[in-house]
Amino acid sequence: MATKAKIIKLTDLSRAIDKAVAANAGKAKLPGGLIMGRYLTRAMAANVDVNALAKSVTKELAPSLADFRLTPRVIIGDDIITCGFLAREISGIG
């Protein structure tokens, strides 16, 4: 049986994450934004310029996400490297 794709606005996703963070952080203010991109294993990343990939992903999506300030970012974990961007909603828009 085919499943129907769900669509969610990035603003709604951001607010849902803010709500979850607030529920877990209590009154502590935790600034931040969404982290989005593509994750690679270390072996895959060995063959890719991860910084160039993060910049390319950011450049490609920036026009579609005009309500957000996008910052290219590479996040290196133990076995996964995320190449993409941080997205922070621009105040007063949306």
N, C-alpha and C. Protein backbone atom coordinates (compact mmCIF):
# COMPACT_ATOMS: atom_id res chain seq x y z
N MET A 1 0.84 -1.18 0.00
CA MET A 1 0.00 0.00 0.00
C MET A 1 0.89 1.24 0.00
N ALA A 2 0.60 2.15 -0.90
CA ALA A 2 1.39 3.39 -1.01
C ALA A 2 1.06 4.32 0.15
N THR A 3 2.07 5.02 0.61
CA THR A 3 1.84 6.00 1.66
C THR A 3 1.86 7.38 1.02
N LYS A 4 1.05 8.27 1.57
CA LYS A 4 0.97 9.62 1.06
C LYS A 4 2.03 10.48 1.74
N ALA A 5 2.77 11.22 0.94
CA ALA A 5 3.80 12.10 1.50
C ALA A 5 3.13 13.20 2.31
N LYS A 6 3.76 13.55 3.42
CA LYS A 6 3.26 14.65 4.24
C LYS A 6 4.08 15.88 3.94
N ILE A 7 3.42 17.00 3.90
CA ILE A 7 4.09 18.27 3.66
C ILE A 7 3.91 19.14 4.90
N ILE A 8 4.99 19.73 5.35
CA ILE A 8 4.92 20.63 6.49
C ILE A 8 5.73 21.87 6.14
N LYS A 9 5.21 23.02 6.46
CA LYS A 9 5.94 24.26 6.24
C LYS A 9 7.15 24.27 7.17
N LEU A 10 8.23 24.83 6.69
CA LEU A 10 9.43 24.91 7.51
C LEU A 10 9.16 25.73 8.78
N THR A 11 8.34 26.75 8.66
CA THR A 11 7.98 27.57 9.82
C THR A 11 7.26 26.71 10.86
N ASP A 12 6.34 25.86 10.42
CA ASP A 12 5.62 24.99 11.34
C ASP A 12 6.55 23.97 11.98
N LEU A 13 7.48 23.44 11.20
CA LEU A 13 8.46 22.50 11.73
C LEU A 13 9.32 23.19 12.79
N SER A 14 9.76 24.40 12.49
CA SER A 14 10.58 25.16 13.43
C SER A 14 9.83 25.41 14.74
N ARG A 15 8.59 25.79 14.64
CA ARG A 15 7.78 26.06 15.85
C ARG A 15 7.51 24.78 16.65
N ALA A 16 7.31 23.66 15.95
CA ALA A 16 7.10 22.39 16.65
C ALA A 16 8.36 21.99 17.41
N ILE A 17 9.52 22.21 16.80
CA ILE A 17 10.77 21.91 17.49
C ILE A 17 10.96 22.85 18.67
N ASP A 18 10.66 24.13 18.49
CA ASP A 18 10.75 25.10 19.61
C ASP A 18 9.88 24.64 20.77
N LYS A 19 8.69 24.16 20.47
CA LYS A 19 7.77 23.70 21.51
C LYS A 19 8.34 22.48 22.25
N ALA A 20 8.91 21.55 21.50
CA ALA A 20 9.51 20.36 22.12
C ALA A 20 10.71 20.74 22.99
N VAL A 21 11.53 21.67 22.49
CA VAL A 21 12.69 22.13 23.27
C VAL A 21 12.23 22.79 24.55
N ALA A 22 11.21 23.65 24.45
CA ALA A 22 10.69 24.35 25.64
C ALA A 22 10.13 23.35 26.66
N ALA A 23 9.49 22.31 26.18
CA ALA A 23 8.93 21.30 27.08
C ALA A 23 10.02 20.57 27.85
N ASN A 24 11.18 20.42 27.24
CA ASN A 24 12.28 19.71 27.89
C ASN A 24 13.26 20.61 28.62
N ALA A 25 13.32 21.86 28.23
CA ALA A 25 14.30 22.77 28.83
C ALA A 25 13.70 23.61 29.95
N GLY A 26 12.39 23.49 30.16
CA GLY A 26 11.75 24.30 31.20
C GLY A 26 11.83 25.76 30.83
N LYS A 27 12.25 26.59 31.76
CA LYS A 27 12.30 28.03 31.51
C LYS A 27 13.62 28.47 30.89
N ALA A 28 14.56 27.54 30.75
CA ALA A 28 15.84 27.89 30.13
C ALA A 28 15.63 28.27 28.68
N LYS A 29 16.21 29.37 28.26
CA LYS A 29 16.11 29.83 26.88
C LYS A 29 17.24 29.20 26.07
N LEU A 30 16.89 28.42 25.08
CA LEU A 30 17.87 27.75 24.24
C LEU A 30 17.75 28.27 22.82
N PRO A 31 18.56 29.28 22.48
CA PRO A 31 18.48 29.82 21.12
C PRO A 31 19.01 28.81 20.12
N GLY A 32 18.62 28.97 18.91
CA GLY A 32 19.11 28.07 17.87
C GLY A 32 18.18 28.07 16.69
N GLY A 33 18.40 27.15 15.81
CA GLY A 33 17.58 27.03 14.62
C GLY A 33 17.57 25.58 14.17
N LEU A 34 16.98 25.37 13.02
CA LEU A 34 16.92 24.03 12.46
C LEU A 34 18.27 23.66 11.83
N ILE A 35 18.61 22.41 11.92
CA ILE A 35 19.79 21.88 11.24
C ILE A 35 19.26 20.96 10.15
N MET A 36 19.56 21.28 8.90
CA MET A 36 19.06 20.47 7.80
C MET A 36 20.17 20.20 6.81
N GLY A 37 20.13 19.08 6.18
CA GLY A 37 21.12 18.76 5.17
C GLY A 37 21.14 17.29 4.85
N ARG A 38 22.27 16.86 4.40
CA ARG A 38 22.47 15.47 4.02
C ARG A 38 23.53 14.89 4.93
N TYR A 39 23.28 13.69 5.45
CA TYR A 39 24.31 13.09 6.27
C TYR A 39 25.09 12.06 5.47
N LEU A 40 26.36 11.99 5.76
CA LEU A 40 27.28 11.09 5.08
C LEU A 40 28.04 10.27 6.11
N THR A 41 28.40 9.07 5.75
CA THR A 41 29.32 8.33 6.61
C THR A 41 30.72 8.91 6.39
N ARG A 42 31.63 8.60 7.29
CA ARG A 42 33.00 9.09 7.12
C ARG A 42 33.61 8.58 5.81
N ALA A 43 33.30 7.35 5.45
CA ALA A 43 33.83 6.79 4.21
C ALA A 43 33.30 7.56 2.99
N MET A 44 32.04 7.89 2.99
CA MET A 44 31.46 8.67 1.90
C MET A 44 32.06 10.07 1.86
N ALA A 45 32.22 10.68 3.02
CA ALA A 45 32.73 12.04 3.10
C ALA A 45 34.18 12.16 2.65
N ALA A 46 34.91 11.06 2.69
CA ALA A 46 36.31 11.08 2.28
C ALA A 46 36.46 11.45 0.80
N ASN A 47 35.41 11.23 0.03
CA ASN A 47 35.45 11.50 -1.41
C ASN A 47 34.74 12.79 -1.80
N VAL A 48 34.35 13.60 -0.81
CA VAL A 48 33.55 14.79 -1.07
C VAL A 48 34.15 15.97 -0.31
N ASP A 49 34.12 17.16 -0.93
CA ASP A 49 34.47 18.38 -0.21
C ASP A 49 33.23 18.78 0.58
N VAL A 50 33.20 18.43 1.86
CA VAL A 50 31.98 18.60 2.66
C VAL A 50 31.61 20.07 2.82
N ASN A 51 32.60 20.96 2.89
CA ASN A 51 32.30 22.39 3.01
C ASN A 51 31.65 22.91 1.73
N ALA A 52 32.16 22.49 0.58
CA ALA A 52 31.57 22.89 -0.69
C ALA A 52 30.16 22.34 -0.83
N LEU A 53 29.94 21.12 -0.36
CA LEU A 53 28.61 20.52 -0.40
C LEU A 53 27.64 21.32 0.46
N ALA A 54 28.04 21.71 1.66
CA ALA A 54 27.18 22.50 2.55
C ALA A 54 26.84 23.84 1.90
N LYS A 55 27.81 24.49 1.27
CA LYS A 55 27.55 25.77 0.60
C LYS A 55 26.61 25.59 -0.59
N SER A 56 26.79 24.51 -1.33
CA SER A 56 25.94 24.24 -2.48
C SER A 56 24.49 23.98 -2.06
N VAL A 57 24.30 23.17 -1.04
CA VAL A 57 22.95 22.89 -0.53
C VAL A 57 22.29 24.19 -0.07
N THR A 58 23.04 25.01 0.65
CA THR A 58 22.50 26.28 1.16
C THR A 58 22.11 27.20 0.00
N LYS A 59 22.98 27.33 -0.97
CA LYS A 59 22.71 28.20 -2.12
C LYS A 59 21.49 27.73 -2.89
N GLU A 60 21.35 26.43 -3.04
CA GLU A 60 20.23 25.86 -3.79
C GLU A 60 18.89 26.13 -3.10
N LEU A 61 18.87 26.06 -1.78
CA LEU A 61 17.61 26.19 -1.05
C LEU A 61 17.28 27.61 -0.61
N ALA A 62 18.25 28.49 -0.57
CA ALA A 62 18.03 29.85 -0.07
C ALA A 62 16.85 30.57 -0.75
N PRO A 63 16.70 30.53 -2.06
CA PRO A 63 15.56 31.23 -2.68
C PRO A 63 14.19 30.71 -2.22
N SER A 64 14.11 29.43 -1.92
CA SER A 64 12.84 28.83 -1.50
C SER A 64 12.54 29.09 -0.03
N LEU A 65 13.54 29.50 0.74
CA LEU A 65 13.38 29.70 2.18
C LEU A 65 13.70 31.14 2.56
N ALA A 66 13.05 32.07 1.87
CA ALA A 66 13.34 33.49 2.05
C ALA A 66 13.02 33.99 3.46
N ASP A 67 12.16 33.30 4.19
CA ASP A 67 11.81 33.71 5.56
C ASP A 67 12.85 33.26 6.58
N PHE A 68 13.90 32.60 6.11
CA PHE A 68 14.92 32.07 7.00
C PHE A 68 16.31 32.56 6.60
N ARG A 69 17.14 32.77 7.58
CA ARG A 69 18.56 33.06 7.35
C ARG A 69 19.28 31.72 7.38
N LEU A 70 19.90 31.37 6.27
CA LEU A 70 20.58 30.09 6.17
C LEU A 70 22.09 30.29 6.27
N THR A 71 22.72 29.45 7.08
CA THR A 71 24.16 29.49 7.27
C THR A 71 24.73 28.10 6.95
N PRO A 72 25.59 28.00 5.94
CA PRO A 72 26.18 26.68 5.62
C PRO A 72 26.90 26.11 6.85
N ARG A 73 26.77 24.81 7.06
CA ARG A 73 27.40 24.21 8.24
C ARG A 73 27.72 22.75 7.97
N VAL A 74 28.86 22.33 8.48
CA VAL A 74 29.26 20.93 8.49
C VAL A 74 29.36 20.52 9.95
N ILE A 75 28.65 19.49 10.32
CA ILE A 75 28.64 19.00 11.70
C ILE A 75 29.21 17.59 11.69
N ILE A 76 30.29 17.41 12.43
CA ILE A 76 30.99 16.13 12.43
C ILE A 76 30.70 15.39 13.73
N GLY A 77 30.07 14.23 13.60
CA GLY A 77 29.80 13.37 14.74
C GLY A 77 30.78 12.21 14.76
N ASP A 78 30.51 11.24 15.61
CA ASP A 78 31.40 10.08 15.71
C ASP A 78 31.52 9.31 14.40
N ASP A 79 30.37 9.04 13.77
CA ASP A 79 30.42 8.27 12.54
C ASP A 79 29.61 8.88 11.40
N ILE A 80 28.97 9.99 11.66
CA ILE A 80 28.14 10.66 10.65
C ILE A 80 28.58 12.11 10.52
N ILE A 81 28.63 12.61 9.29
CA ILE A 81 28.94 14.01 9.01
C ILE A 81 27.72 14.61 8.31
N THR A 82 27.17 15.68 8.86
CA THR A 82 26.02 16.35 8.27
C THR A 82 26.50 17.57 7.51
N CYS A 83 26.13 17.67 6.25
CA CYS A 83 26.49 18.81 5.39
C CYS A 83 25.20 19.50 4.98
N GLY A 84 25.06 20.75 5.36
CA GLY A 84 23.84 21.46 5.03
C GLY A 84 23.86 22.87 5.58
N PHE A 85 22.83 23.21 6.35
CA PHE A 85 22.72 24.56 6.84
C PHE A 85 21.98 24.62 8.16
N LEU A 86 22.21 25.72 8.85
CA LEU A 86 21.39 26.10 10.01
C LEU A 86 20.37 27.08 9.47
N ALA A 87 19.12 26.95 9.87
CA ALA A 87 18.06 27.86 9.41
C ALA A 87 17.47 28.55 10.64
N ARG A 88 17.54 29.86 10.61
CA ARG A 88 16.95 30.66 11.68
C ARG A 88 15.88 31.54 11.06
N GLU A 89 14.68 31.49 11.63
CA GLU A 89 13.59 32.29 11.11
C GLU A 89 13.89 33.77 11.30
N ILE A 90 13.65 34.55 10.28
CA ILE A 90 13.85 36.00 10.35
C ILE A 90 12.64 36.60 11.05
N SER A 91 12.85 37.34 12.12
CA SER A 91 11.77 37.92 12.92
C SER A 91 10.90 38.84 12.06
N GLY A 92 9.61 38.77 12.32
CA GLY A 92 8.67 39.67 11.66
C GLY A 92 8.22 39.19 10.28
N ILE A 93 8.72 38.06 9.83
CA ILE A 93 8.33 37.52 8.53
C ILE A 93 7.62 36.21 8.77
N GLY A 94 6.63 35.93 7.96
CA GLY A 94 5.97 34.63 8.05
C GLY A 94 4.78 34.76 8.84
